[in-house]
Amino acid sequence: MQDDGIKLHIGGATSKEGWRVLNIVPGPHVDYVGNCNDLSFLPDNACTEIYASHVLEHLGYNGEIAAALKGMHRVLKPGGRLRVSVPDLMTLCQLFVQPDMPTQARWELMRMMYGGRLDEHDVHTSGLTDKFLSILLRQAGFQRIARVGEFLEFHDTNLLRFAGQLISLNMEAFK
């Protein structure tokens, strides 16, 4: 992978040297204000890397996620890497149905599935599993798709554990 290009952090809550942040909510750390399903402000092959943690679940499964992934593929340079983290619907469901799970814990799990509703953007409209996300990535043109452990680049929701279990589905794919 080449080093000459943008490292784009979609949905980033803080700035980090070497990275540019795209967020739907303006802030001092935000370089680009907008939605991840419209990367038209970037030319083809502009990015060496894209990182998006707990972003895709906010998009609709009826084509919105697919369009966003195609846009990400377009702006990545050949060989560029996409790292994406979403709530793992399979893990959350398995935790939710455990017979001894307390009601308050189930409430928190439900919020992880559907969004915390802390603001107008904190709503989840899709649930993803490794199979669903792999298919969507492949259809967008990505290769070498793999489920990976925690992403340590950013200390964000990709690291979240509940009842000792990682609740994020972390995947890596290349253009």
Foldseek 3Di string as FASTA:
>chain_A
DDPQAAEEEECDPAADPRHAYEYCDDDPRHPHHDALLDPVVAAFQRHQEYEYEARLQLFAPPCSSLSSLLVVNRNHHAFHKYKYKHFALVVLVVQLPDPPQDPVLNVVSVCSNAFVPPDPSRGGNDHDHLVRVVVSNVSSPWPPKDWDQADPPDPDLQQDDDPNHRRMGIMMTGD
